[in-house]
Amino acid sequence: MAADDLSTLLSIEFEVFGKVQGCFFTKYCKDLALQLGITGWVKNTKKGTIVGKLQGRKAELDQMIDWLTNTGSPGCKIERCELSNWVYLTRFDYNDFSIRF
């Protein structure tokens, strides 16, 4: 399978910096993930960032990463989004997408 194949299954961890708490960022993130068929989780951190793990096909992950980097929830101010631990998957580790506390 080619690495640039849009149907390739990937797992990616992310951290979003900026004014991203107190503006329903995790709720909007979950809603979009479910709409795109992405599994994983998202949560607020004590240091004011949002972290999570995304699993899905590259095409949908690209849309999600664009949202995490450039759009976000209404009223948020994203400074940057750091992506790490890119892993190829043969199957999902999660059945759905959840907000963790």
C-alpha atoms as a PDB file:
ATOM      1  CA  MET A   1       0.000   0.000   0.000  1.00  0.00           C
ATOM      2  CA  ALA A   2       1.431   3.373  -0.993  1.00  0.00           C
ATOM      3  CA  ALA A   3       1.961   5.911   1.781  1.00  0.00           C
ATOM      4  CA  ASP A   4       0.045   8.545  -0.174  1.00  0.00           C
ATOM      5  CA  ASP A   5      -2.991   6.277  -0.697  1.00  0.00           C
ATOM      6  CA  LEU A   6      -5.990   8.224   0.638  1.00  0.00           C
ATOM      7  CA  SER A   7      -7.560   5.004   1.966  1.00  0.00           C
ATOM      8  CA  THR A   8      -4.492   4.151   4.097  1.00  0.00           C
ATOM      9  CA  LEU A   9      -5.438   3.742   7.783  1.00  0.00           C
ATOM     10  CA  LEU A  10      -3.433   5.955  10.116  1.00  0.00           C
ATOM     11  CA  SER A  11      -3.266   6.845  13.788  1.00  0.00           C
ATOM     12  CA  ILE A  12      -2.100  10.346  14.758  1.00  0.00           C
ATOM     13  CA  GLU A  13      -1.763  12.150  18.093  1.00  0.00           C
ATOM     14  CA  PHE A  14      -2.315  15.904  18.242  1.00  0.00           C
ATOM     15  CA  GLU A  15      -2.027  18.897  20.562  1.00  0.00           C
ATOM     16  CA  VAL A  16      -3.701  22.216  19.790  1.00  0.00           C
ATOM     17  CA  PHE A  17      -2.324  25.415  21.338  1.00  0.00           C
ATOM     18  CA  GLY A  18      -4.001  28.805  21.731  1.00  0.00           C
ATOM     19  CA  LYS A  19      -7.307  29.920  23.239  1.00  0.00           C
ATOM     20  CA  VAL A  20      -8.969  26.563  22.708  1.00  0.00           C
ATOM     21  CA  GLN A  21     -10.636  25.847  26.035  1.00  0.00           C
ATOM     22  CA  GLY A  22     -13.976  27.317  27.110  1.00  0.00           C
ATOM     23  CA  CYS A  23     -15.260  27.459  23.513  1.00  0.00           C
ATOM     24  CA  PHE A  24     -16.654  23.913  23.098  1.00  0.00           C
ATOM     25  CA  PHE A  25     -13.587  22.866  21.081  1.00  0.00           C
ATOM     26  CA  THR A  26     -13.801  19.238  22.250  1.00  0.00           C
ATOM     27  CA  LYS A  27     -17.519  19.018  21.367  1.00  0.00           C
ATOM     28  CA  TYR A  28     -16.981  20.402  17.859  1.00  0.00           C
ATOM     29  CA  CYS A  29     -13.954  18.133  17.450  1.00  0.00           C
ATOM     30  CA  LYS A  30     -16.018  15.070  18.378  1.00  0.00           C
ATOM     31  CA  ASP A  31     -18.895  16.100  16.087  1.00  0.00           C
ATOM     32  CA  LEU A  32     -16.571  16.505  13.090  1.00  0.00           C
ATOM     33  CA  ALA A  33     -14.707  13.257  13.838  1.00  0.00           C
ATOM     34  CA  LEU A  34     -17.978  11.309  13.932  1.00  0.00           C
ATOM     35  CA  GLN A  35     -19.143  12.994  10.713  1.00  0.00           C
ATOM     36  CA  LEU A  36     -15.862  11.983   9.000  1.00  0.00           C
ATOM     37  CA  GLY A  37     -15.846   8.425  10.390  1.00  0.00           C
ATOM     38  CA  ILE A  38     -12.739   9.041  12.522  1.00  0.00           C
ATOM     39  CA  THR A  39     -12.267   7.147  15.790  1.00  0.00           C
ATOM     40  CA  GLY A  40     -10.227   8.108  18.850  1.00  0.00           C
ATOM     41  CA  TRP A  41     -10.545  10.678  21.614  1.00  0.00           C
ATOM     42  CA  VAL A  42     -10.002  14.311  22.615  1.00  0.00           C
ATOM     43  CA  LYS A  43      -9.569  16.090  25.967  1.00  0.00           C
ATOM     44  CA  ASN A  44      -8.587  19.337  27.671  1.00  0.00           C
ATOM     45  CA  THR A  45      -5.227  19.475  29.448  1.00  0.00           C
ATOM     46  CA  LYS A  46      -4.377  21.279  32.674  1.00  0.00           C
ATOM     47  CA  LYS A  47      -1.988  23.540  30.716  1.00  0.00           C
ATOM     48  CA  GLY A  48      -4.775  24.934  28.520  1.00  0.00           C
ATOM     49  CA  THR A  49      -4.234  22.892  25.371  1.00  0.00           C
ATOM     50  CA  ILE A  50      -6.358  20.223  23.684  1.00  0.00           C
ATOM     51  CA  VAL A  51      -4.864  16.774  23.076  1.00  0.00           C
ATOM     52  CA  GLY A  52      -6.168  13.674  21.388  1.00  0.00           C
ATOM     53  CA  LYS A  53      -5.715  10.716  19.116  1.00  0.00           C
ATOM     54  CA  LEU A  54      -7.240  10.312  15.661  1.00  0.00           C
ATOM     55  CA  GLN A  55      -7.599   7.092  13.703  1.00  0.00           C
ATOM     56  CA  GLY A  56      -8.983   6.932  10.198  1.00  0.00           C
ATOM     57  CA  ARG A  57      -8.324   6.998   6.482  1.00  0.00           C
ATOM     58  CA  LYS A  58      -5.796   9.563   5.296  1.00  0.00           C
ATOM     59  CA  ALA A  59      -8.380  11.502   3.249  1.00  0.00           C
ATOM     60  CA  GLU A  60     -10.588  12.127   6.312  1.00  0.00           C
ATOM     61  CA  LEU A  61      -7.621  12.715   8.626  1.00  0.00           C
ATOM     62  CA  ASP A  62      -6.363  15.426   6.251  1.00  0.00           C
ATOM     63  CA  GLN A  63      -9.735  17.216   6.634  1.00  0.00           C
ATOM     64  CA  MET A  64      -9.627  16.822  10.422  1.00  0.00           C
ATOM     65  CA  ILE A  65      -6.028  18.078  10.638  1.00  0.00           C
ATOM     66  CA  ASP A  66      -6.961  21.119   8.558  1.00  0.00           C
ATOM     67  CA  TRP A  67      -9.842  21.841  10.985  1.00  0.00           C
ATOM     68  CA  LEU A  68      -7.557  21.387  14.032  1.00  0.00           C
ATOM     69  CA  THR A  69      -4.898  23.653  12.503  1.00  0.00           C
ATOM     70  CA  ASN A  70      -6.944  26.401  10.849  1.00  0.00           C
ATOM     71  CA  THR A  71     -10.622  26.395  11.833  1.00  0.00           C
ATOM     72  CA  GLY A  72     -11.535  24.994  15.243  1.00  0.00           C
ATOM     73  CA  SER A  73     -14.704  25.848  17.112  1.00  0.00           C
ATOM     74  CA  PRO A  74     -16.410  29.262  16.960  1.00  0.00           C
ATOM     75  CA  GLY A  75     -14.635  31.736  19.233  1.00  0.00           C
ATOM     76  CA  CYS A  76     -11.377  29.820  19.547  1.00  0.00           C
ATOM     77  CA  LYS A  77      -7.962  31.239  18.586  1.00  0.00           C
ATOM     78  CA  ILE A  78      -5.639  28.489  17.347  1.00  0.00           C
ATOM     79  CA  GLU A  79      -1.926  29.307  17.576  1.00  0.00           C
ATOM     80  CA  ARG A  80      -0.676  25.976  16.273  1.00  0.00           C
ATOM     81  CA  CYS A  81      -1.400  22.250  16.071  1.00  0.00           C
ATOM     82  CA  GLU A  82       1.407  19.749  16.683  1.00  0.00           C
ATOM     83  CA  LEU A  83       1.063  16.262  15.193  1.00  0.00           C
ATOM     84  CA  SER A  84       3.042  13.265  16.420  1.00  0.00           C
ATOM     85  CA  ASN A  85       3.251   9.464  16.489  1.00  0.00           C
ATOM     86  CA  TRP A  86       2.019   8.783  12.951  1.00  0.00           C
ATOM     87  CA  VAL A  87       1.401   5.020  12.779  1.00  0.00           C
ATOM     88  CA  TYR A  88      -0.014   2.850   9.998  1.00  0.00           C
ATOM     89  CA  LEU A  89      -2.900   0.640  11.155  1.00  0.00           C
ATOM     90  CA  THR A  90      -4.447  -2.567   9.924  1.00  0.00           C
ATOM     91  CA  ARG A  91      -7.563  -1.909  12.040  1.00  0.00           C
ATOM     92  CA  PHE A  92      -8.902   0.720  14.433  1.00  0.00           C
ATOM     93  CA  ASP A  93      -8.088   0.591  18.157  1.00  0.00           C
ATOM     94  CA  TYR A  94     -11.325   2.470  19.006  1.00  0.00           C
ATOM     95  CA  ASN A  95     -14.972   1.869  18.093  1.00  0.00           C
ATOM     96  CA  ASP A  96     -16.007   5.526  18.244  1.00  0.00           C
ATOM     97  CA  PHE A  97     -14.773   9.004  19.113  1.00  0.00           C
ATOM     98  CA  SER A  98     -15.072  10.190  22.708  1.00  0.00           C
ATOM     99  CA  ILE A  99     -14.371  13.198  24.889  1.00  0.00           C
ATOM    100  CA  ARG A 100     -12.176  12.229  27.830  1.00  0.00           C
ATOM    101  CA  PHE A 101     -12.102  14.024  31.171  1.00  0.00           C
END
